[in-house]
N, C-alpha and C. Protein backbone atom coordinates (compact mmCIF):
# COMPACT_ATOMS: atom_id res chain seq x y z
N MET A 1 -41.62 198.38 -47.89
CA MET A 1 -43.02 198.24 -48.27
C MET A 1 -43.83 197.92 -47.03
N PRO A 2 -44.82 198.73 -46.68
CA PRO A 2 -45.62 198.47 -45.49
C PRO A 2 -46.54 197.28 -45.66
N ALA A 3 -46.93 196.72 -44.53
CA ALA A 3 -47.91 195.63 -44.56
C ALA A 3 -49.24 196.20 -44.99
N GLN A 4 -49.95 195.46 -45.82
CA GLN A 4 -51.26 195.88 -46.28
C GLN A 4 -52.30 194.95 -45.70
N ALA A 5 -53.36 195.50 -45.15
CA ALA A 5 -54.43 194.67 -44.60
C ALA A 5 -55.44 194.38 -45.69
N ASN A 6 -55.89 193.16 -45.77
CA ASN A 6 -56.94 192.77 -46.68
C ASN A 6 -58.24 193.37 -46.16
N ALA A 7 -58.94 194.11 -46.97
CA ALA A 7 -60.15 194.81 -46.52
C ALA A 7 -61.21 193.85 -45.99
N ASP A 8 -61.26 192.62 -46.52
CA ASP A 8 -62.28 191.67 -46.10
C ASP A 8 -61.93 190.98 -44.78
N THR A 9 -60.66 190.66 -44.59
CA THR A 9 -60.29 189.86 -43.42
C THR A 9 -59.45 190.62 -42.41
N GLY A 10 -58.79 191.70 -42.85
CA GLY A 10 -57.88 192.41 -41.96
C GLY A 10 -56.52 191.73 -41.89
N ARG A 11 -56.34 190.62 -42.61
CA ARG A 11 -55.07 189.89 -42.57
C ARG A 11 -53.99 190.69 -43.28
N THR A 12 -52.78 190.61 -42.77
CA THR A 12 -51.67 191.32 -43.38
C THR A 12 -51.16 190.52 -44.56
N ALA A 13 -50.65 191.23 -45.56
CA ALA A 13 -50.19 190.58 -46.77
C ALA A 13 -48.67 190.56 -46.88
N SER A 14 -47.97 191.03 -45.87
CA SER A 14 -46.53 191.10 -45.94
C SER A 14 -45.93 190.86 -44.57
N ARG A 15 -44.71 190.33 -44.52
CA ARG A 15 -44.00 190.16 -43.25
C ARG A 15 -43.53 191.51 -42.73
N LEU A 16 -43.39 192.47 -43.61
CA LEU A 16 -42.89 193.78 -43.20
C LEU A 16 -43.97 194.54 -42.45
N THR A 17 -43.54 195.37 -41.52
CA THR A 17 -44.51 196.13 -40.73
C THR A 17 -44.43 197.60 -41.10
N ASP A 18 -45.50 198.31 -40.84
CA ASP A 18 -45.54 199.72 -41.14
C ASP A 18 -45.55 200.54 -39.84
N ASP A 19 -45.47 201.85 -39.98
CA ASP A 19 -45.42 202.74 -38.82
C ASP A 19 -46.66 202.60 -37.95
N ALA A 20 -47.82 202.37 -38.54
CA ALA A 20 -49.05 202.24 -37.77
C ALA A 20 -49.01 201.01 -36.85
N ILE A 21 -48.44 199.92 -37.34
CA ILE A 21 -48.33 198.71 -36.52
C ILE A 21 -47.36 198.94 -35.38
N VAL A 22 -46.24 199.58 -35.66
CA VAL A 22 -45.27 199.89 -34.61
C VAL A 22 -45.90 200.82 -33.58
N SER A 23 -46.66 201.79 -34.04
CA SER A 23 -47.34 202.71 -33.13
C SER A 23 -48.36 201.96 -32.27
N ALA A 24 -49.08 201.02 -32.86
CA ALA A 24 -50.05 200.22 -32.10
C ALA A 24 -49.31 199.41 -31.04
N TRP A 25 -48.19 198.81 -31.40
CA TRP A 25 -47.38 198.03 -30.45
C TRP A 25 -46.92 198.92 -29.29
N ARG A 26 -46.48 200.12 -29.61
CA ARG A 26 -46.04 201.06 -28.56
C ARG A 26 -47.21 201.44 -27.64
N THR A 27 -48.39 201.60 -28.21
CA THR A 27 -49.58 201.90 -27.42
C THR A 27 -49.87 200.76 -26.46
N LEU A 28 -49.80 199.52 -26.94
CA LEU A 28 -50.03 198.36 -26.09
C LEU A 28 -49.02 198.32 -24.95
N ARG A 29 -47.77 198.66 -25.25
CA ARG A 29 -46.73 198.69 -24.22
C ARG A 29 -47.01 199.79 -23.20
N ALA A 30 -47.44 200.94 -23.67
CA ALA A 30 -47.71 202.07 -22.76
C ALA A 30 -48.89 201.77 -21.83
N VAL A 31 -49.90 201.10 -22.35
CA VAL A 31 -51.07 200.75 -21.55
C VAL A 31 -50.76 199.57 -20.63
N ASP A 32 -49.71 198.84 -20.94
CA ASP A 32 -49.22 197.71 -20.15
C ASP A 32 -50.15 196.50 -20.19
N CYS A 33 -50.61 196.16 -21.39
CA CYS A 33 -51.42 194.95 -21.55
C CYS A 33 -50.61 193.71 -21.17
N ALA A 34 -49.29 193.80 -21.32
CA ALA A 34 -48.41 192.67 -21.00
C ALA A 34 -48.47 192.29 -19.52
N ARG A 35 -48.85 193.22 -18.69
CA ARG A 35 -48.94 192.94 -17.24
C ARG A 35 -49.83 191.72 -16.99
N CYS A 36 -50.93 191.62 -17.71
CA CYS A 36 -51.84 190.49 -17.53
C CYS A 36 -51.72 189.45 -18.63
N HIS A 37 -51.45 189.89 -19.86
CA HIS A 37 -51.47 189.00 -21.02
C HIS A 37 -50.10 188.44 -21.39
N GLY A 38 -49.05 188.82 -20.68
CA GLY A 38 -47.72 188.31 -20.95
C GLY A 38 -46.93 189.20 -21.88
N LYS A 39 -45.62 189.09 -21.79
CA LYS A 39 -44.69 189.95 -22.53
C LYS A 39 -44.99 190.00 -24.03
N ASP A 40 -45.32 188.86 -24.61
CA ASP A 40 -45.62 188.80 -26.04
C ASP A 40 -47.11 188.59 -26.31
N TYR A 41 -47.94 188.82 -25.28
CA TYR A 41 -49.40 188.74 -25.36
C TYR A 41 -49.89 187.32 -25.66
N ASP A 42 -49.06 186.32 -25.31
CA ASP A 42 -49.42 184.92 -25.53
C ASP A 42 -50.10 184.30 -24.32
N GLY A 43 -50.41 185.11 -23.31
CA GLY A 43 -51.11 184.62 -22.13
C GLY A 43 -50.20 184.62 -20.91
N LEU A 44 -50.79 184.94 -19.79
CA LEU A 44 -50.11 184.92 -18.49
C LEU A 44 -51.22 184.71 -17.47
N ALA A 45 -51.54 185.73 -16.70
CA ALA A 45 -52.68 185.66 -15.78
C ALA A 45 -53.99 185.75 -16.57
N ALA A 46 -53.94 186.42 -17.70
CA ALA A 46 -55.09 186.56 -18.60
C ALA A 46 -54.79 185.77 -19.89
N PRO A 47 -55.81 185.45 -20.67
CA PRO A 47 -55.61 184.65 -21.89
C PRO A 47 -54.75 185.36 -22.94
N SER A 48 -54.34 184.59 -23.91
CA SER A 48 -53.56 185.09 -25.05
C SER A 48 -54.43 186.00 -25.93
N ILE A 49 -53.94 187.21 -26.15
CA ILE A 49 -54.64 188.10 -27.09
C ILE A 49 -54.40 187.62 -28.51
N VAL A 50 -53.23 187.05 -28.76
CA VAL A 50 -52.91 186.53 -30.09
C VAL A 50 -53.91 185.44 -30.47
N GLU A 51 -54.15 184.52 -29.57
CA GLU A 51 -55.10 183.43 -29.85
C GLU A 51 -56.53 183.98 -29.96
N TYR A 52 -56.86 184.97 -29.15
CA TYR A 52 -58.19 185.58 -29.23
C TYR A 52 -58.41 186.19 -30.61
N ALA A 53 -57.41 186.91 -31.12
CA ALA A 53 -57.53 187.51 -32.45
C ALA A 53 -57.66 186.44 -33.53
N ARG A 54 -57.00 185.31 -33.32
CA ARG A 54 -57.06 184.20 -34.29
C ARG A 54 -58.47 183.61 -34.37
N THR A 55 -59.19 183.62 -33.26
CA THR A 55 -60.47 182.91 -33.20
C THR A 55 -61.71 183.79 -33.22
N GLN A 56 -61.51 185.11 -33.14
CA GLN A 56 -62.66 186.02 -33.08
C GLN A 56 -62.68 186.93 -34.31
N ASN A 57 -63.85 187.39 -34.68
CA ASN A 57 -63.93 188.36 -35.77
C ASN A 57 -63.58 189.75 -35.26
N ARG A 58 -63.42 190.69 -36.17
CA ARG A 58 -63.01 192.05 -35.82
C ARG A 58 -63.99 192.69 -34.84
N GLU A 59 -65.27 192.55 -35.12
CA GLU A 59 -66.29 193.19 -34.27
C GLU A 59 -66.18 192.72 -32.81
N ARG A 60 -66.05 191.43 -32.64
CA ARG A 60 -65.96 190.88 -31.27
C ARG A 60 -64.65 191.31 -30.59
N PHE A 61 -63.55 191.30 -31.35
CA PHE A 61 -62.26 191.72 -30.81
C PHE A 61 -62.33 193.17 -30.34
N VAL A 62 -62.83 194.04 -31.20
CA VAL A 62 -62.92 195.47 -30.87
C VAL A 62 -63.84 195.68 -29.67
N ARG A 63 -64.95 194.99 -29.64
CA ARG A 63 -65.88 195.12 -28.52
C ARG A 63 -65.20 194.71 -27.21
N MET A 64 -64.44 193.62 -27.23
CA MET A 64 -63.76 193.17 -26.01
C MET A 64 -62.75 194.20 -25.53
N VAL A 65 -61.98 194.75 -26.45
CA VAL A 65 -60.97 195.74 -26.06
C VAL A 65 -61.63 197.03 -25.58
N LEU A 66 -62.59 197.53 -26.33
CA LEU A 66 -63.17 198.83 -25.98
C LEU A 66 -64.16 198.74 -24.81
N ASP A 67 -64.93 197.67 -24.70
CA ASP A 67 -65.92 197.55 -23.64
C ASP A 67 -65.45 196.69 -22.47
N GLY A 68 -64.43 195.87 -22.70
CA GLY A 68 -63.89 195.02 -21.65
C GLY A 68 -64.87 193.96 -21.20
N GLU A 69 -64.48 193.29 -20.14
CA GLU A 69 -65.35 192.31 -19.49
C GLU A 69 -64.98 192.35 -18.01
N PRO A 70 -65.46 193.39 -17.32
CA PRO A 70 -65.07 193.62 -15.93
C PRO A 70 -65.24 192.42 -15.00
N SER A 71 -66.26 191.60 -15.23
CA SER A 71 -66.47 190.44 -14.37
C SER A 71 -65.32 189.44 -14.46
N ARG A 72 -64.58 189.48 -15.54
CA ARG A 72 -63.43 188.59 -15.72
C ARG A 72 -62.10 189.33 -15.54
N GLY A 73 -62.18 190.59 -15.15
CA GLY A 73 -60.96 191.36 -14.90
C GLY A 73 -60.44 192.13 -16.09
N MET A 74 -61.15 192.12 -17.22
CA MET A 74 -60.71 192.84 -18.41
C MET A 74 -61.31 194.24 -18.38
N PRO A 75 -60.44 195.26 -18.21
CA PRO A 75 -60.97 196.64 -18.18
C PRO A 75 -61.42 197.10 -19.56
N ALA A 76 -62.27 198.09 -19.58
CA ALA A 76 -62.72 198.71 -20.82
C ALA A 76 -61.76 199.83 -21.20
N TYR A 77 -61.44 199.94 -22.49
CA TYR A 77 -60.52 200.97 -22.96
C TYR A 77 -61.19 201.97 -23.89
N ARG A 78 -62.51 201.95 -23.96
CA ARG A 78 -63.22 202.91 -24.82
C ARG A 78 -62.88 204.35 -24.45
N GLY A 79 -62.69 204.61 -23.17
CA GLY A 79 -62.37 205.96 -22.72
C GLY A 79 -60.91 206.32 -22.83
N ASN A 80 -60.08 205.41 -23.30
CA ASN A 80 -58.65 205.68 -23.47
C ASN A 80 -58.42 206.09 -24.92
N PRO A 81 -58.14 207.38 -25.16
CA PRO A 81 -58.00 207.84 -26.54
C PRO A 81 -56.85 207.17 -27.30
N SER A 82 -55.82 206.75 -26.60
CA SER A 82 -54.70 206.08 -27.28
C SER A 82 -55.15 204.75 -27.87
N ILE A 83 -55.93 203.99 -27.11
CA ILE A 83 -56.42 202.70 -27.59
C ILE A 83 -57.49 202.92 -28.66
N ALA A 84 -58.46 203.76 -28.38
CA ALA A 84 -59.56 203.98 -29.32
C ALA A 84 -59.05 204.48 -30.68
N ALA A 85 -58.06 205.35 -30.66
CA ALA A 85 -57.52 205.92 -31.91
C ALA A 85 -56.72 204.90 -32.72
N HIS A 86 -56.21 203.87 -32.07
CA HIS A 86 -55.38 202.87 -32.75
C HIS A 86 -56.03 201.49 -32.85
N ILE A 87 -57.32 201.39 -32.57
CA ILE A 87 -57.96 200.08 -32.47
C ILE A 87 -57.83 199.25 -33.75
N ASP A 88 -57.94 199.85 -34.91
CA ASP A 88 -57.80 199.08 -36.15
C ASP A 88 -56.38 198.55 -36.32
N ASP A 89 -55.40 199.35 -35.97
CA ASP A 89 -54.01 198.91 -36.07
C ASP A 89 -53.67 197.89 -34.99
N ILE A 90 -54.27 198.03 -33.82
CA ILE A 90 -54.08 197.02 -32.76
C ILE A 90 -54.64 195.68 -33.24
N TYR A 91 -55.80 195.72 -33.84
CA TYR A 91 -56.38 194.49 -34.38
C TYR A 91 -55.48 193.91 -35.47
N ARG A 92 -54.99 194.74 -36.38
CA ARG A 92 -54.08 194.27 -37.43
C ARG A 92 -52.82 193.67 -36.83
N TYR A 93 -52.28 194.30 -35.79
CA TYR A 93 -51.08 193.77 -35.12
C TYR A 93 -51.35 192.35 -34.62
N PHE A 94 -52.45 192.15 -33.92
CA PHE A 94 -52.73 190.82 -33.37
C PHE A 94 -53.08 189.81 -34.45
N LEU A 95 -53.73 190.22 -35.53
CA LEU A 95 -53.96 189.29 -36.65
C LEU A 95 -52.63 188.87 -37.26
N GLY A 96 -51.73 189.83 -37.43
CA GLY A 96 -50.41 189.51 -37.96
C GLY A 96 -49.62 188.60 -37.05
N ARG A 97 -49.74 188.83 -35.74
CA ARG A 97 -49.10 187.92 -34.78
C ARG A 97 -49.71 186.53 -34.91
N ALA A 98 -51.03 186.46 -35.03
CA ALA A 98 -51.72 185.17 -35.11
C ALA A 98 -51.33 184.38 -36.35
N ASP A 99 -51.15 185.07 -37.47
CA ASP A 99 -50.81 184.33 -38.70
C ASP A 99 -49.31 184.30 -38.97
N GLY A 100 -48.51 184.87 -38.06
CA GLY A 100 -47.06 184.78 -38.16
C GLY A 100 -46.40 185.80 -39.06
N THR A 101 -47.16 186.76 -39.59
CA THR A 101 -46.55 187.74 -40.49
C THR A 101 -45.95 188.94 -39.76
N ILE A 102 -46.29 189.08 -38.48
CA ILE A 102 -45.75 190.18 -37.68
C ILE A 102 -45.09 189.59 -36.45
N PRO A 103 -43.84 189.98 -36.18
CA PRO A 103 -43.16 189.48 -34.99
C PRO A 103 -43.69 190.14 -33.72
N ALA A 104 -43.38 189.55 -32.58
CA ALA A 104 -43.83 190.09 -31.29
C ALA A 104 -43.40 191.55 -31.14
N ASP A 105 -42.18 191.87 -31.52
CA ASP A 105 -41.69 193.25 -31.50
C ASP A 105 -41.52 193.69 -32.94
N PRO A 106 -42.47 194.48 -33.46
CA PRO A 106 -42.47 194.81 -34.88
C PRO A 106 -41.53 195.94 -35.29
N ARG A 107 -40.76 196.48 -34.34
CA ARG A 107 -39.88 197.58 -34.71
C ARG A 107 -38.79 197.08 -35.66
N PRO A 108 -38.44 197.92 -36.64
CA PRO A 108 -37.37 197.54 -37.55
C PRO A 108 -36.05 197.39 -36.77
N PRO A 109 -35.17 196.51 -37.23
CA PRO A 109 -33.89 196.35 -36.56
C PRO A 109 -33.11 197.67 -36.54
N GLN A 110 -32.39 197.88 -35.43
CA GLN A 110 -31.56 199.09 -35.32
C GLN A 110 -30.34 198.93 -36.19
N ARG A 111 -29.96 200.00 -36.86
CA ARG A 111 -28.79 199.94 -37.74
C ARG A 111 -27.56 200.36 -37.01
């Protein structure tokens, strides 16, 4: 059963993850957000994205990712089709990380 996002909050309703969340995680890995934000996005040279998602609304989160904040070293990803196409699932991934319903690596266990 895939995770379902609450339309009002974007919060996930299940510990299980769906293909869109795994795809969003793979996109984050390909773009290498971990380089600055840490392996599990809990902070490194740059702040924790998990904590940012916990404290910001969807609009502010999306604006930060797509428009960046160059003065603080955060690049804009609006021109990156991989990020722009998955922005809702990226947001859902980080909300799930913030509330503990999605693990750092959401891929299903290998059989």
